[in-house]
Amino acid sequence: MKQLRSFLSVVICLLFVSAAHAGLINGDWSTGDETGWTEWRAPWGLKEVWDASGGVGKLSTSDNASFGWYQVVAVPAGTPVTVDALWTGHLDSGNPGWSEVMLLTSANPLEDWAARCDAGAVGDIAFKKDIWGMNPPTDWGWELASLSPHPSGNHGSVTSLGYVVVGLKLGGFGGDEKWTSWDNIVLTGVPEPATMLLLGLGLMGLAGMRRFRK
């Protein structure tokens, strides 16, 4: 009985860890809202529009802005993690503008993620398009974001320091409309609840067989 209690404690811990590392939530925007995502914006922005109602995540602006969404996922330190997504968008060629997918990692869950997304350190950028010629064209249909890697960025792959953040960003200056939509954002390398549950059930079955044989 004591062994059974110990075993059940292990299973509960496994399921708890599984829930804590459940992966990216609502990466396909199927909820029709921002579930799982947090809005962020630069304090100097003048006009930002977040829209998750159409089954995709869309950012748009017709003024000075730097803004988007981010999502924090707890991932065991040392775990390799990659991100990819589908995106489409428009950046006006006559005004500065940029769209980015970022992949950040930190050991500090209380880090100022909005400030870090806004700062846009090169090492945090996975994929990017801008009007200065990075990964043209600046008016593009649905395609994999990984087709537009930042040449000095992380190419959508990091080794977790404990927490991984997927950041989506639209920015620019000038009054012409700029927009980007994202869909099917996938974060790989993160333990899924189903995997942990199957592991737990398998262990329970083995424990039951041992007790029966005794």
Foldseek 3Di string as FASTA:
>chain_A
DVVVVVLVVVLVVLLVVQVLLAFQPCQQLVVQDQVQKDKAWDPPDDDWDWGSRPRWTKIKAQFFIKIFIKGKGFAPFQFKKFKKWKKFWADDLVWKKKKFKFKDADLDPPDPVRVVSRVPDQQGTQFMDISVDQPDDRGGDIDMRLVRGDPSYPNGMDGHPGMMMIIIIIGTHHRHMIMMIIRDMGMPRTRHSVVSNVVSVVVVVVVVVVVVVD
